[in-house]
Amino acid sequence: MQIEQTEVMIPTPEGQMPAFLCTPAEHGHKPAVILLMEAFGLTSHIRDVAARIANEGYVVLAPDLYYRELPNNKFGYDEVEQARAMMFRLDFGKPVEEDIRAALTYVKSRPDVNPGKVGVTGFCLGGGLTFLTACKLSDEIAAAAAFYGVVLDEWIDAVTNITVPVYFFFGGVDPFIPNERVKQIESRFEEQGIEYTLKVYSNADHGFFCDERSSYNSSAAEDSWRELTRFFHKHLQEAV
């Protein structure tokens, strides 16, 4: 499939937020996916993932959530401490929520997008923010898929607000997300009767999907990609 890749600017309450946009060249309304970046920023890897998802027939938008700290707001995978420091400077309250809402507003306004079929996915930092989006903006999306996202206590409390299907991907030996936390998330969804799928790859570490990281796990990455594409096809394709 021919994919067009462009840079766009999205207005937010705090200024213009750059974003990477991938659009299939074919005509007609298409479902869309908001792709939320890792702690390392809007890297070449995240752009590659955006293109892969677009190749499945989606308009994909990957916003630069570190736009307040331009221009030096991207890090190599060996710069963990610098990336974590920038991640923790984000305000995970209203500012980030408004940034994600702005990204959703932008993509839904496009003439090539079916506004009722927008999903969200993300990795690492973006996995946590995918969870946040499901909690805070369920009425704006149709499905959410979170990869090894750290989840804050207040987000677990807010699970009651989720009205869309959610898919979680975790690594069984992820040092940042203890198995007890994964079980807590699962129990919360069970209690509330919310549609979810949760998959733990027993020998996978944090960042297992990224082939540029030392923690890359090819079998977990390939399986989770298959699961992600099936999940989005089920919940976002217009024929549903």
C-alpha atoms as a PDB file:
ATOM      1  CA  MET A   1       0.000   0.000   0.000  1.00  0.00           C
ATOM      2  CA  GLN A   2       1.298   3.461  -0.868  1.00  0.00           C
ATOM      3  CA  ILE A   3       1.671   5.606   2.263  1.00  0.00           C
ATOM      4  CA  GLU A   4       2.069   9.372   2.349  1.00  0.00           C
ATOM      5  CA  GLN A   5       4.119  10.705   5.272  1.00  0.00           C
ATOM      6  CA  THR A   6       3.931  14.333   6.363  1.00  0.00           C
ATOM      7  CA  GLU A   7       4.568  16.597   9.337  1.00  0.00           C
ATOM      8  CA  VAL A   8       1.579  18.536  10.645  1.00  0.00           C
ATOM      9  CA  MET A   9       0.996  21.093  13.401  1.00  0.00           C
ATOM     10  CA  ILE A  10      -1.844  20.634  15.866  1.00  0.00           C
ATOM     11  CA  PRO A  11      -3.193  23.573  17.878  1.00  0.00           C
ATOM     12  CA  THR A  12      -3.351  22.979  21.645  1.00  0.00           C
ATOM     13  CA  PRO A  13      -4.164  25.309  24.557  1.00  0.00           C
ATOM     14  CA  GLU A  14      -0.390  25.647  25.114  1.00  0.00           C
ATOM     15  CA  GLY A  15       0.778  26.169  21.551  1.00  0.00           C
ATOM     16  CA  GLN A  16       1.414  24.274  18.340  1.00  0.00           C
ATOM     17  CA  MET A  17       2.206  20.567  18.730  1.00  0.00           C
ATOM     18  CA  PRO A  18       4.095  18.896  15.855  1.00  0.00           C
ATOM     19  CA  ALA A  19       2.919  15.456  14.803  1.00  0.00           C
ATOM     20  CA  PHE A  20       3.886  12.797  12.283  1.00  0.00           C
ATOM     21  CA  LEU A  21       1.044  11.815   9.958  1.00  0.00           C
ATOM     22  CA  CYS A  22       0.837   8.693   7.807  1.00  0.00           C
ATOM     23  CA  THR A  23      -2.044   8.349   5.365  1.00  0.00           C
ATOM     24  CA  PRO A  24      -2.844   5.556   2.901  1.00  0.00           C
ATOM     25  CA  ALA A  25      -3.033   7.028  -0.599  1.00  0.00           C
ATOM     26  CA  GLU A  26      -6.316   5.281  -1.436  1.00  0.00           C
ATOM     27  CA  HIS A  27      -9.501   7.364  -1.429  1.00  0.00           C
ATOM     28  CA  GLY A  28     -12.439   7.111   0.948  1.00  0.00           C
ATOM     29  CA  HIS A  29     -13.118   7.297   4.679  1.00  0.00           C
ATOM     30  CA  LYS A  30     -10.650   5.279   6.736  1.00  0.00           C
ATOM     31  CA  PRO A  31     -10.378   4.443  10.421  1.00  0.00           C
ATOM     32  CA  ALA A  32      -7.613   6.231  12.296  1.00  0.00           C
ATOM     33  CA  VAL A  33      -5.111   5.442  15.046  1.00  0.00           C
ATOM     34  CA  ILE A  34      -3.433   7.848  17.463  1.00  0.00           C
ATOM     35  CA  LEU A  35       0.052   6.474  18.199  1.00  0.00           C
ATOM     36  CA  LEU A  36       1.543   7.690  21.489  1.00  0.00           C
ATOM     37  CA  MET A  37       5.320   7.771  21.747  1.00  0.00           C
ATOM     38  CA  GLU A  38       7.816   6.178  24.105  1.00  0.00           C
ATOM     39  CA  ALA A  39       9.698   8.046  26.830  1.00  0.00           C
ATOM     40  CA  PHE A  40      12.483   8.544  24.259  1.00  0.00           C
ATOM     41  CA  GLY A  41      10.294  10.879  22.212  1.00  0.00           C
ATOM     42  CA  LEU A  42       8.952  10.849  18.684  1.00  0.00           C
ATOM     43  CA  THR A  43      11.814   8.686  17.419  1.00  0.00           C
ATOM     44  CA  SER A  44      12.456   7.083  14.038  1.00  0.00           C
ATOM     45  CA  HIS A  45      11.204   3.813  15.507  1.00  0.00           C
ATOM     46  CA  ILE A  46       7.823   5.304  16.419  1.00  0.00           C
ATOM     47  CA  ARG A  47       7.621   6.769  12.901  1.00  0.00           C
ATOM     48  CA  ASP A  48       8.314   3.314  11.498  1.00  0.00           C
ATOM     49  CA  VAL A  49       5.529   1.844  13.632  1.00  0.00           C
ATOM     50  CA  ALA A  50       3.187   4.591  12.403  1.00  0.00           C
ATOM     51  CA  ALA A  51       3.935   3.609   8.809  1.00  0.00           C
ATOM     52  CA  ARG A  52       3.376  -0.075   9.585  1.00  0.00           C
ATOM     53  CA  ILE A  53      -0.037   0.646  11.094  1.00  0.00           C
ATOM     54  CA  ALA A  54      -0.931   2.934   8.175  1.00  0.00           C
ATOM     55  CA  ASN A  55      -0.058   0.097   5.816  1.00  0.00           C
ATOM     56  CA  GLU A  56      -2.917  -1.849   7.411  1.00  0.00           C
ATOM     57  CA  GLY A  57      -5.343   0.787   6.125  1.00  0.00           C
ATOM     58  CA  TYR A  58      -5.394   3.434   8.863  1.00  0.00           C
ATOM     59  CA  VAL A  59      -4.689   7.140   9.012  1.00  0.00           C
ATOM     60  CA  VAL A  60      -2.060   7.309  11.779  1.00  0.00           C
ATOM     61  CA  LEU A  61      -1.109  10.366  13.814  1.00  0.00           C
ATOM     62  CA  ALA A  62       1.856  10.339  16.205  1.00  0.00           C
ATOM     63  CA  PRO A  63       1.947  13.588  18.222  1.00  0.00           C
ATOM     64  CA  ASP A  64       5.160  14.954  19.726  1.00  0.00           C
ATOM     65  CA  LEU A  65       4.094  15.145  23.358  1.00  0.00           C
ATOM     66  CA  TYR A  66       7.442  16.728  24.295  1.00  0.00           C
ATOM     67  CA  TYR A  67       6.738  19.754  22.088  1.00  0.00           C
ATOM     68  CA  ARG A  68       7.117  22.100  25.052  1.00  0.00           C
ATOM     69  CA  GLU A  69      10.801  21.113  25.204  1.00  0.00           C
ATOM     70  CA  LEU A  70      11.760  21.458  21.543  1.00  0.00           C
ATOM     71  CA  PRO A  71      14.218  21.271  19.900  1.00  0.00           C
ATOM     72  CA  ASN A  72      16.260  18.763  21.911  1.00  0.00           C
ATOM     73  CA  ASN A  73      13.479  16.405  22.918  1.00  0.00           C
ATOM     74  CA  LYS A  74      14.471  13.034  21.443  1.00  0.00           C
ATOM     75  CA  PHE A  75      16.863  10.502  22.940  1.00  0.00           C
ATOM     76  CA  GLY A  76      18.787   7.429  21.953  1.00  0.00           C
ATOM     77  CA  TYR A  77      17.884   4.149  23.621  1.00  0.00           C
ATOM     78  CA  ASP A  78      21.120   4.367  25.623  1.00  0.00           C
ATOM     79  CA  GLU A  79      20.022   7.722  27.116  1.00  0.00           C
ATOM     80  CA  VAL A  80      17.571   6.255  29.608  1.00  0.00           C
ATOM     81  CA  GLU A  81      18.114   8.738  32.427  1.00  0.00           C
ATOM     82  CA  GLN A  82      17.715  11.783  30.171  1.00  0.00           C
ATOM     83  CA  ALA A  83      14.536  10.326  28.665  1.00  0.00           C
ATOM     84  CA  ARG A  84      13.081   9.484  32.066  1.00  0.00           C
ATOM     85  CA  ALA A  85      13.858  12.978  33.337  1.00  0.00           C
ATOM     86  CA  MET A  86      11.952  14.550  30.455  1.00  0.00           C
ATOM     87  CA  MET A  87       9.085  12.092  30.826  1.00  0.00           C
ATOM     88  CA  PHE A  88       8.688  13.014  34.493  1.00  0.00           C
ATOM     89  CA  ARG A  89       8.553  16.701  33.576  1.00  0.00           C
ATOM     90  CA  LEU A  90       5.299  16.046  31.730  1.00  0.00           C
ATOM     91  CA  ASP A  91       2.156  17.081  33.548  1.00  0.00           C
ATOM     92  CA  PHE A  92       0.043  13.927  33.489  1.00  0.00           C
ATOM     93  CA  GLY A  93      -3.054  15.865  34.447  1.00  0.00           C
ATOM     94  CA  LYS A  94      -4.972  18.313  32.318  1.00  0.00           C
ATOM     95  CA  PRO A  95      -2.119  19.406  29.972  1.00  0.00           C
ATOM     96  CA  VAL A  96      -1.405  15.924  28.580  1.00  0.00           C
ATOM     97  CA  GLU A  97      -5.108  15.110  28.455  1.00  0.00           C
ATOM     98  CA  GLU A  98      -5.680  18.265  26.404  1.00  0.00           C
ATOM     99  CA  ASP A  99      -2.780  17.393  24.091  1.00  0.00           C
ATOM    100  CA  ILE A 100      -4.308  13.986  23.369  1.00  0.00           C
ATOM    101  CA  ARG A 101      -7.744  15.506  22.936  1.00  0.00           C
ATOM    102  CA  ALA A 102      -6.246  17.987  20.432  1.00  0.00           C
ATOM    103  CA  ALA A 103      -4.727  15.093  18.471  1.00  0.00           C
ATOM    104  CA  LEU A 104      -8.097  13.344  18.404  1.00  0.00           C
ATOM    105  CA  THR A 105      -9.876  16.529  17.317  1.00  0.00           C
ATOM    106  CA  TYR A 106      -7.396  17.008  14.497  1.00  0.00           C
ATOM    107  CA  VAL A 107      -7.602  13.481  13.125  1.00  0.00           C
ATOM    108  CA  LYS A 108     -11.409  13.375  13.359  1.00  0.00           C
ATOM    109  CA  SER A 109     -11.658  16.625  11.400  1.00  0.00           C
ATOM    110  CA  ARG A 110      -9.862  15.150   8.398  1.00  0.00           C
ATOM    111  CA  PRO A 111     -12.058  14.385   5.389  1.00  0.00           C
ATOM    112  CA  ASP A 112     -10.365  10.999   4.894  1.00  0.00           C
ATOM    113  CA  VAL A 113     -11.186   9.764   8.432  1.00  0.00           C
ATOM    114  CA  ASN A 114     -14.265   8.046   9.795  1.00  0.00           C
ATOM    115  CA  PRO A 115     -14.552   9.967  13.110  1.00  0.00           C
ATOM    116  CA  GLY A 116     -16.451   7.146  14.793  1.00  0.00           C
ATOM    117  CA  LYS A 117     -13.601   4.664  14.235  1.00  0.00           C
ATOM    118  CA  VAL A 118     -10.541   6.059  15.967  1.00  0.00           C
ATOM    119  CA  GLY A 119      -8.288   3.899  18.117  1.00  0.00           C
ATOM    120  CA  VAL A 120      -5.296   4.697  20.280  1.00  0.00           C
ATOM    121  CA  THR A 121      -2.137   2.730  20.986  1.00  0.00           C
ATOM    122  CA  GLY A 122       1.233   3.459  22.524  1.00  0.00           C
ATOM    123  CA  PHE A 123       4.435   2.035  23.943  1.00  0.00           C
ATOM    124  CA  CYS A 124       6.183   2.643  27.274  1.00  0.00           C
ATOM    125  CA  LEU A 125       5.152   6.223  28.196  1.00  0.00           C
ATOM    126  CA  GLY A 126       2.600   5.983  25.393  1.00  0.00           C
ATOM    127  CA  GLY A 127       1.240   2.744  26.810  1.00  0.00           C
ATOM    128  CA  GLY A 128       0.460   4.482  30.078  1.00  0.00           C
ATOM    129  CA  LEU A 129      -1.078   7.406  28.213  1.00  0.00           C
ATOM    130  CA  THR A 130      -3.185   4.983  26.171  1.00  0.00           C
ATOM    131  CA  PHE A 131      -4.611   3.764  29.483  1.00  0.00           C
ATOM    132  CA  LEU A 132      -5.176   7.397  30.503  1.00  0.00           C
ATOM    133  CA  THR A 133      -6.972   8.068  27.201  1.00  0.00           C
ATOM    134  CA  ALA A 134      -9.280   5.112  27.736  1.00  0.00           C
ATOM    135  CA  CYS A 135     -10.105   6.414  31.221  1.00  0.00           C
ATOM    136  CA  LYS A 136     -10.561  10.083  30.347  1.00  0.00           C
ATOM    137  CA  LEU A 137     -11.585  10.107  26.678  1.00  0.00           C
ATOM    138  CA  SER A 138     -13.533   6.891  26.110  1.00  0.00           C
ATOM    139  CA  ASP A 139     -16.290   8.884  24.430  1.00  0.00           C
ATOM    140  CA  GLU A 140     -13.761  10.050  21.810  1.00  0.00           C
ATOM    141  CA  ILE A 141     -12.331   6.656  20.782  1.00  0.00           C
ATOM    142  CA  ALA A 142     -13.463   3.171  19.739  1.00  0.00           C
ATOM    143  CA  ALA A 143     -10.615   0.990  21.095  1.00  0.00           C
ATOM    144  CA  ALA A 144      -7.322   1.208  23.008  1.00  0.00           C
ATOM    145  CA  ALA A 145      -4.217  -1.020  22.968  1.00  0.00           C
ATOM    146  CA  ALA A 146      -1.492  -0.334  25.528  1.00  0.00           C
ATOM    147  CA  PHE A 147       2.043  -1.771  25.375  1.00  0.00           C
ATOM    148  CA  TYR A 148       3.910  -2.069  28.698  1.00  0.00           C
ATOM    149  CA  GLY A 149       2.637   1.206  30.093  1.00  0.00           C
ATOM    150  CA  VAL A 150       3.217   2.212  33.698  1.00  0.00           C
ATOM    151  CA  VAL A 151      -0.210   2.916  35.183  1.00  0.00           C
ATOM    152  CA  LEU A 152      -0.737   5.457  37.972  1.00  0.00           C
ATOM    153  CA  ASP A 153      -2.975   4.688  40.966  1.00  0.00           C
ATOM    154  CA  GLU A 154      -5.467   7.393  40.043  1.00  0.00           C
ATOM    155  CA  TRP A 155      -5.867   5.879  36.586  1.00  0.00           C
ATOM    156  CA  ILE A 156      -6.735   2.515  38.112  1.00  0.00           C
ATOM    157  CA  ASP A 157      -9.376   4.322  40.180  1.00  0.00           C
ATOM    158  CA  ALA A 158     -10.725   5.864  36.944  1.00  0.00           C
ATOM    159  CA  VAL A 159     -11.198   2.505  35.178  1.00  0.00           C
ATOM    160  CA  THR A 160     -14.937   2.867  35.912  1.00  0.00           C
ATOM    161  CA  ASN A 161     -15.056   5.514  33.138  1.00  0.00           C
ATOM    162  CA  ILE A 162     -13.877   3.148  30.388  1.00  0.00           C
ATOM    163  CA  THR A 163     -16.512   2.245  27.799  1.00  0.00           C
ATOM    164  CA  VAL A 164     -14.309   0.858  24.987  1.00  0.00           C
ATOM    165  CA  PRO A 165     -12.486  -2.479  24.553  1.00  0.00           C
ATOM    166  CA  VAL A 166      -8.883  -2.404  25.784  1.00  0.00           C
ATOM    167  CA  TYR A 167      -5.957  -4.721  24.988  1.00  0.00           C
ATOM    168  CA  PHE A 168      -2.912  -4.795  27.301  1.00  0.00           C
ATOM    169  CA  PHE A 169       0.521  -6.178  26.377  1.00  0.00           C
ATOM    170  CA  PHE A 170       3.069  -6.732  29.147  1.00  0.00           C
ATOM    171  CA  GLY A 171       6.451  -8.394  29.574  1.00  0.00           C
ATOM    172  CA  GLY A 172       6.719 -10.941  32.369  1.00  0.00           C
ATOM    173  CA  VAL A 173      10.206  -9.756  33.374  1.00  0.00           C
ATOM    174  CA  ASP A 174       9.582  -6.013  32.999  1.00  0.00           C
ATOM    175  CA  PRO A 175      11.376  -4.339  35.959  1.00  0.00           C
ATOM    176  CA  PHE A 176       9.149  -1.250  35.725  1.00  0.00           C
ATOM    177  CA  ILE A 177       5.816  -3.078  35.927  1.00  0.00           C
ATOM    178  CA  PRO A 178       5.647  -5.759  38.649  1.00  0.00           C
ATOM    179  CA  ASN A 179       3.402  -8.770  38.110  1.00  0.00           C
ATOM    180  CA  GLU A 180       1.354  -7.597  41.103  1.00  0.00           C
ATOM    181  CA  ARG A 181       0.494  -4.414  39.201  1.00  0.00           C
ATOM    182  CA  VAL A 182      -0.607  -6.383  36.162  1.00  0.00           C
ATOM    183  CA  LYS A 183      -2.840  -8.539  38.367  1.00  0.00           C
ATOM    184  CA  GLN A 184      -4.260  -5.405  40.004  1.00  0.00           C
ATOM    185  CA  ILE A 185      -5.190  -3.979  36.602  1.00  0.00           C
ATOM    186  CA  GLU A 186      -6.770  -7.246  35.539  1.00  0.00           C
ATOM    187  CA  SER A 187      -8.782  -7.521  38.759  1.00  0.00           C
ATOM    188  CA  ARG A 188     -10.059  -3.974  38.362  1.00  0.00           C
ATOM    189  CA  PHE A 189     -11.330  -4.669  34.848  1.00  0.00           C
ATOM    190  CA  GLU A 190     -12.923  -7.930  35.993  1.00  0.00           C
ATOM    191  CA  GLU A 191     -14.708  -6.160  38.862  1.00  0.00           C
ATOM    192  CA  GLN A 192     -16.114  -3.513  36.528  1.00  0.00           C
ATOM    193  CA  GLY A 193     -17.110  -5.932  33.777  1.00  0.00           C
ATOM    194  CA  ILE A 194     -15.205  -3.945  31.128  1.00  0.00           C
ATOM    195  CA  GLU A 195     -14.230  -5.663  27.873  1.00  0.00           C
ATOM    196  CA  TYR A 196     -10.491  -6.260  27.899  1.00  0.00           C
ATOM    197  CA  THR A 197      -7.735  -8.634  26.829  1.00  0.00           C
ATOM    198  CA  LEU A 198      -4.464  -8.870  28.725  1.00  0.00           C
ATOM    199  CA  LYS A 199      -1.446 -10.758  27.450  1.00  0.00           C
ATOM    200  CA  VAL A 200       1.806 -11.292  29.327  1.00  0.00           C
ATOM    201  CA  TYR A 201       4.865 -12.572  27.459  1.00  0.00           C
ATOM    202  CA  SER A 202       6.591 -14.485  30.224  1.00  0.00           C
ATOM    203  CA  ASN A 203      10.200 -13.992  29.085  1.00  0.00           C
ATOM    204  CA  ALA A 204       9.830 -10.484  27.644  1.00  0.00           C
ATOM    205  CA  ASP A 205      11.328  -7.318  29.139  1.00  0.00           C
ATOM    206  CA  HIS A 206      10.211  -3.684  28.978  1.00  0.00           C
ATOM    207  CA  GLY A 207      10.445  -2.397  25.409  1.00  0.00           C
ATOM    208  CA  PHE A 208      10.163  -5.860  23.855  1.00  0.00           C
ATOM    209  CA  PHE A 209       8.440  -4.524  20.718  1.00  0.00           C
ATOM    210  CA  CYS A 210      11.261  -2.189  19.667  1.00  0.00           C
ATOM    211  CA  ASP A 211      13.919  -3.810  17.461  1.00  0.00           C
ATOM    212  CA  GLU A 212      16.330  -0.965  18.251  1.00  0.00           C
ATOM    213  CA  ARG A 213      16.430  -1.793  21.948  1.00  0.00           C
ATOM    214  CA  SER A 214      18.545  -4.434  23.671  1.00  0.00           C
ATOM    215  CA  SER A 215      15.329  -5.741  25.265  1.00  0.00           C
ATOM    216  CA  TYR A 216      13.799  -6.565  21.853  1.00  0.00           C
ATOM    217  CA  ASN A 217      12.051  -9.938  21.881  1.00  0.00           C
ATOM    218  CA  SER A 218      11.233 -11.044  18.341  1.00  0.00           C
ATOM    219  CA  SER A 219       8.638 -13.677  19.223  1.00  0.00           C
ATOM    220  CA  ALA A 220       6.760 -11.338  21.591  1.00  0.00           C
ATOM    221  CA  ALA A 221       7.000  -8.475  19.083  1.00  0.00           C
ATOM    222  CA  GLU A 222       5.674 -10.572  16.212  1.00  0.00           C
ATOM    223  CA  ASP A 223       2.843 -12.080  18.239  1.00  0.00           C
ATOM    224  CA  SER A 224       1.769  -8.746  19.722  1.00  0.00           C
ATOM    225  CA  TRP A 225       1.781  -7.155  16.255  1.00  0.00           C
ATOM    226  CA  ARG A 226      -0.562  -9.884  14.994  1.00  0.00           C
ATOM    227  CA  GLU A 227      -2.796  -9.385  18.021  1.00  0.00           C
ATOM    228  CA  LEU A 228      -2.778  -5.595  17.635  1.00  0.00           C
ATOM    229  CA  THR A 229      -3.757  -5.694  13.974  1.00  0.00           C
ATOM    230  CA  ARG A 230      -6.548  -8.201  14.630  1.00  0.00           C
ATOM    231  CA  PHE A 231      -7.845  -6.121  17.542  1.00  0.00           C
ATOM    232  CA  PHE A 232      -7.957  -2.913  15.529  1.00  0.00           C
ATOM    233  CA  HIS A 233      -9.453  -4.672  12.518  1.00  0.00           C
ATOM    234  CA  LYS A 234     -12.256  -6.001  14.719  1.00  0.00           C
ATOM    235  CA  HIS A 235     -13.079  -2.705  16.390  1.00  0.00           C
ATOM    236  CA  LEU A 236     -12.120  -0.023  13.855  1.00  0.00           C
ATOM    237  CA  GLN A 237     -12.845  -1.294  10.377  1.00  0.00           C
ATOM    238  CA  GLU A 238     -15.987   0.307   8.991  1.00  0.00           C
ATOM    239  CA  ALA A 239     -17.595  -2.991   8.006  1.00  0.00           C
ATOM    240  CA  VAL A 240     -18.058  -3.890  11.685  1.00  0.00           C
END
